[in-house]
Amino acid sequence: METRVERVRKQKKEKSKYRFEFLIIIVVVFIFYLGLKATEKSIQELTYVQDQHIFLLNLKVKPSIQLFGKTYDLNVINFIKEFIKSIK
């Protein structure tokens, strides 16, 4: 049996662990984004093609991501519906 103080300490430790994991995920995604942008810039400079995009994030008109020439829509509702259909 643990005391209340030990239990509260354990809960704080677990909470800080989850915060740290979330922070790590955010940092990794940010580094991935910067890497894609740097790669795109380098490829455009080497090939002298300015209108081709390896990675393009469009959140203004219609939320979408263009990755290696293929466009993916960021419509969460349709994604959930298609995911449910694929499970059935």
N, C-alpha and C. Protein backbone atom coordinates (compact mmCIF):
# COMPACT_ATOMS: atom_id res chain seq x y z
N MET A 1 0.83 -1.17 0.00
CA MET A 1 0.00 0.00 0.00
C MET A 1 0.88 1.25 0.00
N GLU A 2 0.57 2.17 -0.89
CA GLU A 2 1.37 3.38 -0.97
C GLU A 2 0.64 4.54 -0.33
N THR A 3 1.42 5.47 0.17
CA THR A 3 0.81 6.63 0.81
C THR A 3 0.34 7.61 -0.25
N ARG A 4 -0.40 8.58 0.20
CA ARG A 4 -0.94 9.57 -0.71
C ARG A 4 0.18 10.39 -1.35
N VAL A 5 1.20 10.72 -0.59
CA VAL A 5 2.32 11.50 -1.12
C VAL A 5 3.03 10.72 -2.22
N GLU A 6 3.27 9.44 -2.01
CA GLU A 6 3.92 8.61 -3.03
C GLU A 6 3.07 8.51 -4.28
N ARG A 7 1.77 8.37 -4.11
CA ARG A 7 0.86 8.26 -5.25
C ARG A 7 0.85 9.56 -6.05
N VAL A 8 0.82 10.71 -5.37
CA VAL A 8 0.84 12.00 -6.06
C VAL A 8 2.16 12.18 -6.80
N ARG A 9 3.28 11.80 -6.18
CA ARG A 9 4.57 11.88 -6.84
C ARG A 9 4.60 11.02 -8.10
N LYS A 10 4.05 9.82 -7.99
CA LYS A 10 4.01 8.91 -9.12
C LYS A 10 3.16 9.49 -10.25
N GLN A 11 2.02 10.09 -9.91
CA GLN A 11 1.16 10.70 -10.92
C GLN A 11 1.84 11.88 -11.60
N LYS A 12 2.56 12.70 -10.84
CA LYS A 12 3.29 13.83 -11.42
C LYS A 12 4.38 13.34 -12.35
N LYS A 13 5.06 12.27 -11.95
CA LYS A 13 6.12 11.71 -12.78
C LYS A 13 5.57 11.20 -14.10
N GLU A 14 4.44 10.48 -14.06
CA GLU A 14 3.81 9.97 -15.28
C GLU A 14 3.32 11.11 -16.17
N LYS A 15 2.77 12.15 -15.55
CA LYS A 15 2.28 13.29 -16.31
C LYS A 15 3.43 14.00 -17.02
N SER A 16 4.55 14.17 -16.33
CA SER A 16 5.69 14.82 -16.96
C SER A 16 6.28 13.94 -18.06
N LYS A 17 6.19 12.63 -17.89
CA LYS A 17 6.67 11.70 -18.92
C LYS A 17 5.86 11.87 -20.20
N TYR A 18 4.53 11.95 -20.08
CA TYR A 18 3.67 12.13 -21.25
C TYR A 18 3.91 13.47 -21.92
N ARG A 19 4.13 14.52 -21.13
CA ARG A 19 4.44 15.83 -21.70
C ARG A 19 5.74 15.79 -22.48
N PHE A 20 6.74 15.12 -21.92
CA PHE A 20 8.03 15.01 -22.59
C PHE A 20 7.89 14.24 -23.90
N GLU A 21 7.12 13.15 -23.90
CA GLU A 21 6.91 12.38 -25.12
C GLU A 21 6.20 13.22 -26.18
N PHE A 22 5.20 13.99 -25.79
CA PHE A 22 4.48 14.85 -26.71
C PHE A 22 5.42 15.92 -27.29
N LEU A 23 6.27 16.48 -26.45
CA LEU A 23 7.24 17.47 -26.91
C LEU A 23 8.21 16.86 -27.91
N ILE A 24 8.66 15.65 -27.65
CA ILE A 24 9.57 14.97 -28.57
C ILE A 24 8.90 14.75 -29.93
N ILE A 25 7.64 14.36 -29.93
CA ILE A 25 6.91 14.14 -31.18
C ILE A 25 6.79 15.44 -31.96
N ILE A 26 6.48 16.54 -31.28
CA ILE A 26 6.38 17.84 -31.93
C ILE A 26 7.72 18.24 -32.55
N VAL A 27 8.81 18.04 -31.83
CA VAL A 27 10.14 18.39 -32.32
C VAL A 27 10.50 17.54 -33.54
N VAL A 28 10.19 16.25 -33.51
CA VAL A 28 10.51 15.37 -34.64
C VAL A 28 9.72 15.78 -35.88
N VAL A 29 8.45 16.11 -35.72
CA VAL A 29 7.64 16.55 -36.86
C VAL A 29 8.19 17.87 -37.42
N PHE A 30 8.61 18.77 -36.56
CA PHE A 30 9.18 20.04 -37.02
C PHE A 30 10.49 19.81 -37.77
N ILE A 31 11.34 18.94 -37.28
CA ILE A 31 12.59 18.63 -37.97
C ILE A 31 12.30 17.96 -39.32
N PHE A 32 11.30 17.08 -39.37
CA PHE A 32 10.90 16.45 -40.63
C PHE A 32 10.45 17.50 -41.64
N TYR A 33 9.66 18.47 -41.17
CA TYR A 33 9.18 19.55 -42.04
C TYR A 33 10.36 20.37 -42.58
N LEU A 34 11.27 20.75 -41.70
CA LEU A 34 12.43 21.53 -42.14
C LEU A 34 13.29 20.73 -43.12
N GLY A 35 13.44 19.43 -42.88
CA GLY A 35 14.20 18.59 -43.79
C GLY A 35 13.58 18.52 -45.17
N LEU A 36 12.26 18.38 -45.23
CA LEU A 36 11.58 18.34 -46.52
C LEU A 36 11.72 19.67 -47.26
N LYS A 37 11.61 20.78 -46.55
CA LYS A 37 11.74 22.08 -47.20
C LYS A 37 13.17 22.27 -47.72
N ALA A 38 14.17 21.88 -46.95
CA ALA A 38 15.56 22.02 -47.41
C ALA A 38 15.83 21.12 -48.60
N THR A 39 15.30 19.91 -48.59
CA THR A 39 15.47 19.00 -49.72
C THR A 39 14.80 19.55 -50.97
N GLU A 40 13.61 20.09 -50.81
CA GLU A 40 12.90 20.67 -51.96
C GLU A 40 13.69 21.83 -52.56
N LYS A 41 14.22 22.68 -51.69
CA LYS A 41 15.00 23.82 -52.18
C LYS A 41 16.24 23.36 -52.92
N SER A 42 16.92 22.36 -52.40
CA SER A 42 18.13 21.84 -53.05
C SER A 42 17.82 21.22 -54.40
N ILE A 43 16.76 20.44 -54.48
CA ILE A 43 16.40 19.80 -55.75
C ILE A 43 15.99 20.85 -56.78
N GLN A 44 15.27 21.87 -56.36
CA GLN A 44 14.89 22.92 -57.29
C GLN A 44 16.11 23.68 -57.81
N GLU A 45 17.10 23.89 -56.95
CA GLU A 45 18.31 24.57 -57.40
C GLU A 45 19.12 23.71 -58.36
N LEU A 46 19.17 22.41 -58.10
CA LEU A 46 19.96 21.52 -58.94
C LEU A 46 19.30 21.25 -60.29
N THR A 47 17.98 21.21 -60.35
CA THR A 47 17.29 20.89 -61.60
C THR A 47 16.79 22.12 -62.33
N TYR A 48 16.90 23.28 -61.73
CA TYR A 48 16.44 24.53 -62.33
C TYR A 48 14.94 24.49 -62.67
N VAL A 49 14.17 23.75 -61.91
CA VAL A 49 12.72 23.69 -62.10
C VAL A 49 12.10 24.33 -60.86
N GLN A 50 11.39 25.43 -61.05
CA GLN A 50 10.85 26.17 -59.92
C GLN A 50 9.38 25.86 -59.63
N ASP A 51 8.67 25.28 -60.58
CA ASP A 51 7.24 25.07 -60.37
C ASP A 51 6.91 23.68 -59.83
N GLN A 52 7.87 22.81 -59.69
CA GLN A 52 7.63 21.48 -59.13
C GLN A 52 7.82 21.54 -57.61
N HIS A 53 6.91 20.90 -56.89
CA HIS A 53 6.99 20.89 -55.43
C HIS A 53 7.10 19.46 -54.94
N ILE A 54 8.08 19.22 -54.09
CA ILE A 54 8.18 17.92 -53.42
C ILE A 54 7.23 17.92 -52.23
N PHE A 55 7.22 19.02 -51.50
CA PHE A 55 6.36 19.14 -50.32
C PHE A 55 5.71 20.51 -50.32
N LEU A 56 4.39 20.53 -50.27
CA LEU A 56 3.65 21.79 -50.23
C LEU A 56 2.49 21.63 -49.27
N LEU A 57 2.43 22.49 -48.29
CA LEU A 57 1.36 22.46 -47.29
C LEU A 57 0.44 23.65 -47.55
N ASN A 58 -0.82 23.37 -47.92
CA ASN A 58 -1.79 24.40 -48.22
C ASN A 58 -2.92 24.31 -47.21
N LEU A 59 -3.04 25.33 -46.36
CA LEU A 59 -4.09 25.31 -45.34
C LEU A 59 -5.12 26.41 -45.53
N LYS A 60 -4.97 27.23 -46.57
CA LYS A 60 -5.84 28.39 -46.72
C LYS A 60 -7.16 28.06 -47.43
N VAL A 61 -7.12 27.71 -48.69
CA VAL A 61 -8.34 27.51 -49.46
C VAL A 61 -8.93 26.13 -49.18
N LYS A 62 -8.21 25.11 -49.57
CA LYS A 62 -8.64 23.74 -49.35
C LYS A 62 -7.48 23.03 -48.66
N PRO A 63 -7.63 22.67 -47.39
CA PRO A 63 -6.50 22.06 -46.68
C PRO A 63 -6.00 20.80 -47.38
N SER A 64 -4.74 20.83 -47.79
CA SER A 64 -4.17 19.68 -48.47
C SER A 64 -2.65 19.69 -48.32
N ILE A 65 -2.07 18.53 -48.56
CA ILE A 65 -0.62 18.37 -48.55
C ILE A 65 -0.24 17.76 -49.89
N GLN A 66 0.73 18.36 -50.54
CA GLN A 66 1.25 17.79 -51.78
C GLN A 66 2.61 17.21 -51.45
N LEU A 67 2.75 15.91 -51.63
CA LEU A 67 3.98 15.21 -51.28
C LEU A 67 4.43 14.39 -52.47
N PHE A 68 5.59 14.72 -53.03
CA PHE A 68 6.17 14.04 -54.19
C PHE A 68 5.21 13.97 -55.37
N GLY A 69 4.49 15.08 -55.61
CA GLY A 69 3.62 15.18 -56.77
C GLY A 69 2.22 14.65 -56.58
N LYS A 70 1.93 14.03 -55.45
CA LYS A 70 0.59 13.51 -55.19
C LYS A 70 -0.06 14.36 -54.11
N THR A 71 -1.31 14.76 -54.33
CA THR A 71 -2.01 15.63 -53.40
C THR A 71 -2.91 14.82 -52.48
N TYR A 72 -2.81 15.12 -51.19
CA TYR A 72 -3.63 14.47 -50.17
C TYR A 72 -4.47 15.54 -49.49
N ASP A 73 -5.80 15.35 -49.49
CA ASP A 73 -6.69 16.29 -48.84
C ASP A 73 -6.69 16.06 -47.34
N LEU A 74 -6.76 17.16 -46.59
CA LEU A 74 -6.78 17.07 -45.13
C LEU A 74 -8.21 17.27 -44.62
N ASN A 75 -9.09 16.43 -45.07
CA ASN A 75 -10.47 16.47 -44.62
C ASN A 75 -10.66 15.34 -43.62
N VAL A 76 -10.71 15.70 -42.36
CA VAL A 76 -10.73 14.70 -41.29
C VAL A 76 -12.02 13.88 -41.32
N ILE A 77 -13.13 14.50 -41.63
CA ILE A 77 -14.42 13.80 -41.63
C ILE A 77 -14.43 12.72 -42.70
N ASN A 78 -13.98 13.05 -43.91
CA ASN A 78 -13.93 12.04 -44.98
C ASN A 78 -12.92 10.94 -44.64
N PHE A 79 -11.83 11.31 -44.01
CA PHE A 79 -10.82 10.32 -43.62
C PHE A 79 -11.42 9.32 -42.63
N ILE A 80 -12.17 9.80 -41.68
CA ILE A 80 -12.80 8.90 -40.69
C ILE A 80 -13.83 8.01 -41.36
N LYS A 81 -14.63 8.57 -42.27
CA LYS A 81 -15.63 7.76 -42.98
C LYS A 81 -14.98 6.67 -43.82
N GLU A 82 -13.90 7.02 -44.54
CA GLU A 82 -13.20 6.02 -45.34
C GLU A 82 -12.52 4.98 -44.47
N PHE A 83 -12.02 5.38 -43.34
CA PHE A 83 -11.40 4.44 -42.41
C PHE A 83 -12.42 3.45 -41.88
N ILE A 84 -13.61 3.93 -41.56
CA ILE A 84 -14.67 3.05 -41.07
C ILE A 84 -15.11 2.09 -42.17
N LYS A 85 -15.19 2.57 -43.41
CA LYS A 85 -15.56 1.69 -44.53
C LYS A 85 -14.50 0.63 -44.75
N SER A 86 -13.25 0.98 -44.59
CA SER A 86 -12.18 -0.01 -44.80
C SER A 86 -12.16 -1.07 -43.71
N ILE A 87 -12.64 -0.71 -42.53
CA ILE A 87 -12.68 -1.70 -41.44
C ILE A 87 -13.80 -2.70 -41.67
N LYS A 88 -14.92 -2.26 -42.22
CA LYS A 88 -16.07 -3.14 -42.42
C LYS A 88 -15.80 -4.15 -43.45
